[in-house]
């Protein structure tokens, strides 16, 4: 199974993913590139910017992707 297939399967199950946890959950280091490829193939994927804390306890915003509202 390719990274794109793993990511699509994950999203189609109603789950969400961020760049931060994509490596741990799916083994995907460049999740934004895989999201772009899936969108180019016609898949409707929502993006929500969510706050997270970095290692310096600073708030940063990252994309959280889903297919929940995109169907």
PDB file of N, CA and C in Angstrom:
ATOM      1  N   UNK A   1       0.853  -1.183   0.000  1.00  0.00           N
ATOM      2  CA  UNK A   1       0.000   0.000   0.000  1.00  0.00           C
ATOM      3  C   UNK A   1       0.896   1.242   0.000  1.00  0.00           C
ATOM      4  N   UNK A   2       0.602   2.187  -0.864  1.00  0.00           N
ATOM      5  CA  UNK A   2       1.400   3.407  -0.931  1.00  0.00           C
ATOM      6  C   UNK A   2       1.020   4.357   0.202  1.00  0.00           C
ATOM      7  N   UNK A   3       1.820   5.378   0.401  1.00  0.00           N
ATOM      8  CA  UNK A   3       1.501   6.392   1.418  1.00  0.00           C
ATOM      9  C   UNK A   3       0.173   7.056   1.108  1.00  0.00           C
ATOM     10  N   UNK A   4      -0.058   7.376  -0.152  1.00  0.00           N
ATOM     11  CA  UNK A   4      -1.323   8.000  -0.542  1.00  0.00           C
ATOM     12  C   UNK A   4      -2.504   7.106  -0.257  1.00  0.00           C
ATOM     13  N   UNK A   5      -2.362   5.828  -0.539  1.00  0.00           N
ATOM     14  CA  UNK A   5      -3.446   4.874  -0.266  1.00  0.00           C
ATOM     15  C   UNK A   5      -3.707   4.750   1.228  1.00  0.00           C
ATOM     16  N   UNK A   6      -2.628   4.696   2.028  1.00  0.00           N
ATOM     17  CA  UNK A   6      -2.796   4.629   3.487  1.00  0.00           C
ATOM     18  C   UNK A   6      -3.504   5.870   4.007  1.00  0.00           C
ATOM     19  N   UNK A   7      -3.100   7.031   3.499  1.00  0.00           N
ATOM     20  CA  UNK A   7      -3.696   8.286   3.938  1.00  0.00           C
ATOM     21  C   UNK A   7      -5.162   8.359   3.536  1.00  0.00           C
ATOM     22  N   UNK A   8      -5.470   8.005   2.300  1.00  0.00           N
ATOM     23  CA  UNK A   8      -6.864   8.026   1.836  1.00  0.00           C
ATOM     24  C   UNK A   8      -7.716   7.068   2.655  1.00  0.00           C
ATOM     25  N   UNK A   9      -7.227   5.867   2.913  1.00  0.00           N
ATOM     26  CA  UNK A   9      -7.959   4.894   3.721  1.00  0.00           C
ATOM     27  C   UNK A   9      -8.245   5.457   5.113  1.00  0.00           C
ATOM     28  N   UNK A  10      -7.263   6.090   5.708  1.00  0.00           N
ATOM     29  CA  UNK A  10      -7.394   6.689   7.037  1.00  0.00           C
ATOM     30  C   UNK A  10      -8.503   7.749   7.028  1.00  0.00           C
ATOM     31  N   UNK A  11      -8.459   8.630   6.049  1.00  0.00           N
ATOM     32  CA  UNK A  11      -9.454   9.706   5.966  1.00  0.00           C
ATOM     33  C   UNK A  11     -10.847   9.173   5.640  1.00  0.00           C
ATOM     34  N   UNK A  12     -10.921   8.174   4.782  1.00  0.00           N
ATOM     35  CA  UNK A  12     -12.221   7.596   4.416  1.00  0.00           C
ATOM     36  C   UNK A  12     -12.887   6.883   5.590  1.00  0.00           C
ATOM     37  N   UNK A  13     -12.108   6.514   6.583  1.00  0.00           N
ATOM     38  CA  UNK A  13     -12.666   5.900   7.798  1.00  0.00           C
ATOM     39  C   UNK A  13     -13.242   6.951   8.745  1.00  0.00           C
ATOM     40  N   UNK A  14     -13.195   8.223   8.337  1.00  0.00           N
ATOM     41  CA  UNK A  14     -13.731   9.290   9.166  1.00  0.00           C
ATOM     42  C   UNK A  14     -12.743   9.830  10.174  1.00  0.00           C
ATOM     43  N   UNK A  15     -11.484   9.456  10.034  1.00  0.00           N
ATOM     44  CA  UNK A  15     -10.448   9.922  10.945  1.00  0.00           C
ATOM     45  C   UNK A  15      -9.819  11.205  10.416  1.00  0.00           C
ATOM     46  N   UNK A  16      -9.142  11.922  11.290  1.00  0.00           N
ATOM     47  CA  UNK A  16      -8.409  13.114  10.903  1.00  0.00           C
ATOM     48  C   UNK A  16      -6.916  12.848  11.041  1.00  0.00           C
ATOM     49  N   UNK A  17      -6.123  13.731  10.437  1.00  0.00           N
ATOM     50  CA  UNK A  17      -4.663  13.588  10.524  1.00  0.00           C
ATOM     51  C   UNK A  17      -4.039  14.974  10.413  1.00  0.00           C
ATOM     52  N   UNK A  18      -2.919  15.155  11.072  1.00  0.00           N
ATOM     53  CA  UNK A  18      -2.138  16.384  10.939  1.00  0.00           C
ATOM     54  C   UNK A  18      -0.736  16.013  10.501  1.00  0.00           C
ATOM     55  N   UNK A  19       0.007  17.013  10.081  1.00  0.00           N
ATOM     56  CA  UNK A  19       1.408  16.776   9.729  1.00  0.00           C
ATOM     57  C   UNK A  19       2.170  16.270  10.953  1.00  0.00           C
ATOM     58  N   UNK A  20       1.775  16.740  12.114  1.00  0.00           N
ATOM     59  CA  UNK A  20       2.460  16.383  13.355  1.00  0.00           C
ATOM     60  C   UNK A  20       2.328  14.891  13.661  1.00  0.00           C
ATOM     61  N   UNK A  21       1.144  14.321  13.472  1.00  0.00           N
ATOM     62  CA  UNK A  21       0.968  12.912  13.850  1.00  0.00           C
ATOM     63  C   UNK A  21       0.981  11.948  12.657  1.00  0.00           C
ATOM     64  N   UNK A  22       1.109  12.444  11.431  1.00  0.00           N
ATOM     65  CA  UNK A  22       1.097  11.569  10.256  1.00  0.00           C
ATOM     66  C   UNK A  22       2.261  10.578  10.264  1.00  0.00           C
ATOM     67  N   UNK A  23       3.406  11.001  10.769  1.00  0.00           N
ATOM     68  CA  UNK A  23       4.565  10.104  10.821  1.00  0.00           C
ATOM     69  C   UNK A  23       4.321   8.953  11.786  1.00  0.00           C
ATOM     70  N   UNK A  24       3.838   9.282  12.965  1.00  0.00           N
ATOM     71  CA  UNK A  24       3.601   8.258  13.986  1.00  0.00           C
ATOM     72  C   UNK A  24       2.462   7.321  13.602  1.00  0.00           C
ATOM     73  N   UNK A  25       1.384   7.871  13.070  1.00  0.00           N
ATOM     74  CA  UNK A  25       0.187   7.076  12.786  1.00  0.00           C
ATOM     75  C   UNK A  25       0.304   6.298  11.475  1.00  0.00           C
ATOM     76  N   UNK A  26       0.835   6.958  10.428  1.00  0.00           N
ATOM     77  CA  UNK A  26       0.828   6.349   9.103  1.00  0.00           C
ATOM     78  C   UNK A  26       2.210   6.166   8.473  1.00  0.00           C
ATOM     79  N   UNK A  27       3.258   6.647   9.136  1.00  0.00           N
ATOM     80  CA  UNK A  27       4.588   6.538   8.566  1.00  0.00           C
ATOM     81  C   UNK A  27       4.812   7.466   7.382  1.00  0.00           C
ATOM     82  N   UNK A  28       4.114   8.603   7.380  1.00  0.00           N
ATOM     83  CA  UNK A  28       4.216   9.569   6.289  1.00  0.00           C
ATOM     84  C   UNK A  28       4.880  10.835   6.802  1.00  0.00           C
ATOM     85  N   UNK A  29       6.040  11.154   6.258  1.00  0.00           N
ATOM     86  CA  UNK A  29       6.774  12.338   6.687  1.00  0.00           C
ATOM     87  C   UNK A  29       6.284  13.596   5.986  1.00  0.00           C
ATOM     88  N   UNK A  30       5.961  13.510   4.708  1.00  0.00           N
ATOM     89  CA  UNK A  30       5.513  14.668   3.938  1.00  0.00           C
ATOM     90  C   UNK A  30       4.018  14.578   3.639  1.00  0.00           C
ATOM     91  N   UNK A  31       3.213  14.625   4.683  1.00  0.00           N
ATOM     92  CA  UNK A  31       1.763  14.519   4.533  1.00  0.00           C
ATOM     93  C   UNK A  31       1.175  15.601   3.625  1.00  0.00           C
ATOM     94  N   UNK A  32       1.636  16.866   3.693  1.00  0.00           N
ATOM     95  CA  UNK A  32       1.052  17.876   2.801  1.00  0.00           C
ATOM     96  C   UNK A  32       1.186  17.510   1.313  1.00  0.00           C
ATOM     97  N   UNK A  33       2.283  16.892   0.941  1.00  0.00           N
ATOM     98  CA  UNK A  33       2.466  16.481  -0.450  1.00  0.00           C
ATOM     99  C   UNK A  33       1.477  15.384  -0.829  1.00  0.00           C
ATOM    100  N   UNK A  34       1.252  14.437   0.074  1.00  0.00           N
ATOM    101  CA  UNK A  34       0.300  13.366  -0.207  1.00  0.00           C
ATOM    102  C   UNK A  34      -1.123  13.925  -0.297  1.00  0.00           C
ATOM    103  N   UNK A  35      -1.465  14.891   0.566  1.00  0.00           N
ATOM    104  CA  UNK A  35      -2.785  15.538   0.509  1.00  0.00           C
ATOM    105  C   UNK A  35      -2.957  16.227  -0.838  1.00  0.00           C
ATOM    106  N   UNK A  36      -1.945  16.932  -1.291  1.00  0.00           N
ATOM    107  CA  UNK A  36      -1.981  17.617  -2.584  1.00  0.00           C
ATOM    108  C   UNK A  36      -2.209  16.617  -3.712  1.00  0.00           C
ATOM    109  N   UNK A  37      -1.511  15.496  -3.687  1.00  0.00           N
ATOM    110  CA  UNK A  37      -1.671  14.476  -4.715  1.00  0.00           C
ATOM    111  C   UNK A  37      -3.091  13.903  -4.713  1.00  0.00           C
ATOM    112  N   UNK A  38      -3.639  13.656  -3.530  1.00  0.00           N
ATOM    113  CA  UNK A  38      -5.003  13.126  -3.442  1.00  0.00           C
ATOM    114  C   UNK A  38      -6.011  14.136  -3.973  1.00  0.00           C
ATOM    115  N   UNK A  39      -5.808  15.401  -3.674  1.00  0.00           N
ATOM    116  CA  UNK A  39      -6.701  16.444  -4.197  1.00  0.00           C
ATOM    117  C   UNK A  39      -6.607  16.528  -5.719  1.00  0.00           C
ATOM    118  N   UNK A  40      -5.418  16.390  -6.255  1.00  0.00           N
ATOM    119  CA  UNK A  40      -5.244  16.423  -7.710  1.00  0.00           C
ATOM    120  C   UNK A  40      -5.961  15.264  -8.390  1.00  0.00           C
ATOM    121  N   UNK A  41      -6.151  14.180  -7.658  1.00  0.00           N
ATOM    122  CA  UNK A  41      -6.891  13.025  -8.183  1.00  0.00           C
ATOM    123  C   UNK A  41      -8.396  13.178  -7.988  1.00  0.00           C
ATOM    124  N   UNK A  42      -8.819  14.304  -7.398  1.00  0.00           N
ATOM    125  CA  UNK A  42     -10.245  14.580  -7.260  1.00  0.00           C
ATOM    126  C   UNK A  42     -10.859  14.310  -5.901  1.00  0.00           C
ATOM    127  N   UNK A  43     -10.073  13.910  -4.933  1.00  0.00           N
ATOM    128  CA  UNK A  43     -10.609  13.643  -3.598  1.00  0.00           C
ATOM    129  C   UNK A  43     -10.863  14.959  -2.866  1.00  0.00           C
ATOM    130  N   UNK A  44     -12.012  15.056  -2.236  1.00  0.00           N
ATOM    131  CA  UNK A  44     -12.396  16.255  -1.495  1.00  0.00           C
ATOM    132  C   UNK A  44     -11.904  16.116  -0.056  1.00  0.00           C
ATOM    133  N   UNK A  45     -10.943  16.932   0.301  1.00  0.00           N
ATOM    134  CA  UNK A  45     -10.337  16.869   1.634  1.00  0.00           C
ATOM    135  C   UNK A  45     -10.414  18.252   2.266  1.00  0.00           C
ATOM    136  N   UNK A  46     -10.980  18.310   3.464  1.00  0.00           N
ATOM    137  CA  UNK A  46     -11.095  19.562   4.210  1.00  0.00           C
ATOM    138  C   UNK A  46      -9.814  19.851   4.972  1.00  0.00           C
ATOM    139  N   UNK A  47      -9.535  21.135   5.153  1.00  0.00           N
ATOM    140  CA  UNK A  47      -8.414  21.581   5.972  1.00  0.00           C
ATOM    141  C   UNK A  47      -8.923  22.512   7.048  1.00  0.00           C
ATOM    142  N   UNK A  48      -8.534  22.238   8.274  1.00  0.00           N
ATOM    143  CA  UNK A  48      -8.836  23.110   9.408  1.00  0.00           C
ATOM    144  C   UNK A  48      -7.512  23.426  10.096  1.00  0.00           C
ATOM    145  N   UNK A  49      -7.251  24.690  10.327  1.00  0.00           N
ATOM    146  CA  UNK A  49      -6.028  25.077  11.027  1.00  0.00           C
ATOM    147  C   UNK A  49      -6.300  25.015  12.534  1.00  0.00           C
ATOM    148  N   UNK A  50      -5.481  24.241  13.241  1.00  0.00           N
ATOM    149  CA  UNK A  50      -5.681  24.044  14.675  1.00  0.00           C
ATOM    150  C   UNK A  50      -4.419  24.431  15.436  1.00  0.00           C
ATOM    151  N   UNK A  51      -4.575  24.965  16.644  1.00  0.00           N
ATOM    152  CA  UNK A  51      -3.402  25.329  17.440  1.00  0.00           C
ATOM    153  C   UNK A  51      -2.811  24.105  18.148  1.00  0.00           C
ATOM    154  N   UNK A  52      -1.492  24.040  18.163  1.00  0.00           N
ATOM    155  CA  UNK A  52      -0.765  23.022  18.927  1.00  0.00           C
ATOM    156  C   UNK A  52       0.427  23.709  19.582  1.00  0.00           C
ATOM    157  N   UNK A  53       0.967  23.072  20.601  1.00  0.00           N
ATOM    158  CA  UNK A  53       2.154  23.608  21.269  1.00  0.00           C
ATOM    159  C   UNK A  53       3.400  22.947  20.705  1.00  0.00           C
ATOM    160  N   UNK A  54       4.418  23.746  20.412  1.00  0.00           N
ATOM    161  CA  UNK A  54       5.687  23.177  19.969  1.00  0.00           C
ATOM    162  C   UNK A  54       6.552  22.859  21.192  1.00  0.00           C
ATOM    163  N   UNK A  55       7.764  22.406  20.966  1.00  0.00           N
ATOM    164  CA  UNK A  55       8.625  21.987  22.078  1.00  0.00           C
ATOM    165  C   UNK A  55       9.052  23.139  22.990  1.00  0.00           C
ATOM    166  N   UNK A  56       8.852  24.374  22.538  1.00  0.00           N
ATOM    167  CA  UNK A  56       9.189  25.546  23.341  1.00  0.00           C
ATOM    168  C   UNK A  56       7.956  26.117  24.037  1.00  0.00           C
ATOM    169  N   UNK A  57       6.881  25.324  24.027  1.00  0.00           N
ATOM    170  CA  UNK A  57       5.612  25.698  24.646  1.00  0.00           C
ATOM    171  C   UNK A  57       4.987  26.932  23.980  1.00  0.00           C
ATOM    172  N   UNK A  58       5.280  27.106  22.696  1.00  0.00           N
ATOM    173  CA  UNK A  58       4.684  28.184  21.915  1.00  0.00           C
ATOM    174  C   UNK A  58       3.515  27.615  21.122  1.00  0.00           C
ATOM    175  N   UNK A  59       2.480  28.399  20.956  1.00  0.00           N
ATOM    176  CA  UNK A  59       1.340  27.964  20.160  1.00  0.00           C
ATOM    177  C   UNK A  59       1.644  28.208  18.682  1.00  0.00           C
ATOM    178  N   UNK A  60       1.508  27.164  17.895  1.00  0.00           N
ATOM    179  CA  UNK A  60       1.636  27.254  16.445  1.00  0.00           C
ATOM    180  C   UNK A  60       0.393  26.604  15.834  1.00  0.00           C
ATOM    181  N   UNK A  61       0.101  26.933  14.590  1.00  0.00           N
ATOM    182  CA  UNK A  61      -1.077  26.369  13.939  1.00  0.00           C
ATOM    183  C   UNK A  61      -0.637  25.385  12.868  1.00  0.00           C
ATOM    184  N   UNK A  62      -1.308  24.247  12.832  1.00  0.00           N
ATOM    185  CA  UNK A  62      -1.035  23.231  11.824  1.00  0.00           C
ATOM    186  C   UNK A  62      -2.343  22.821  11.150  1.00  0.00           C
ATOM    187  N   UNK A  63      -2.232  22.294   9.951  1.00  0.00           N
ATOM    188  CA  UNK A  63      -3.407  21.823   9.226  1.00  0.00           C
ATOM    189  C   UNK A  63      -3.866  20.480   9.788  1.00  0.00           C
ATOM    190  N   UNK A  64      -5.174  20.364   9.954  1.00  0.00           N
ATOM    191  CA  UNK A  64      -5.787  19.079  10.311  1.00  0.00           C
ATOM    192  C   UNK A  64      -6.709  18.727   9.149  1.00  0.00           C
ATOM    193  N   UNK A  65      -6.462  17.586   8.528  1.00  0.00           N
ATOM    194  CA  UNK A  65      -7.215  17.193   7.342  1.00  0.00           C
ATOM    195  C   UNK A  65      -8.268  16.152   7.680  1.00  0.00           C
ATOM    196  N   UNK A  66      -9.392  16.230   6.961  1.00  0.00           N
ATOM    197  CA  UNK A  66     -10.464  15.261   7.110  1.00  0.00           C
ATOM    198  C   UNK A  66     -11.269  15.216   5.826  1.00  0.00           C
ATOM    199  N   UNK A  67     -12.126  14.236   5.752  1.00  0.00           N
ATOM    200  CA  UNK A  67     -13.073  14.139   4.631  1.00  0.00           C
ATOM    201  C   UNK A  67     -14.494  14.269   5.163  1.00  0.00           C
ATOM    202  N   UNK A  68     -14.639  14.587   6.447  1.00  0.00           N
ATOM    203  CA  UNK A  68     -15.955  14.611   7.080  1.00  0.00           C
ATOM    204  C   UNK A  68     -16.917  15.583   6.416  1.00  0.00           C
ATOM    205  N   UNK A  69     -16.497  16.829   6.229  1.00  0.00           N
ATOM    206  CA  UNK A  69     -17.381  17.817   5.627  1.00  0.00           C
ATOM    207  C   UNK A  69     -17.246  17.912   4.121  1.00  0.00           C
ATOM    208  N   UNK A  70     -16.301  17.183   3.573  1.00  0.00           N
ATOM    209  CA  UNK A  70     -16.005  17.298   2.137  1.00  0.00           C
ATOM    210  C   UNK A  70     -16.834  16.364   1.262  1.00  0.00           C
ATOM    211  N   UNK A  71     -17.585  15.494   1.879  1.00  0.00           N
ATOM    212  CA  UNK A  71     -18.330  14.491   1.090  1.00  0.00           C
ATOM    213  C   UNK A  71     -19.491  15.083   0.375  1.00  0.00           C
TER     214      UNK A  71
END
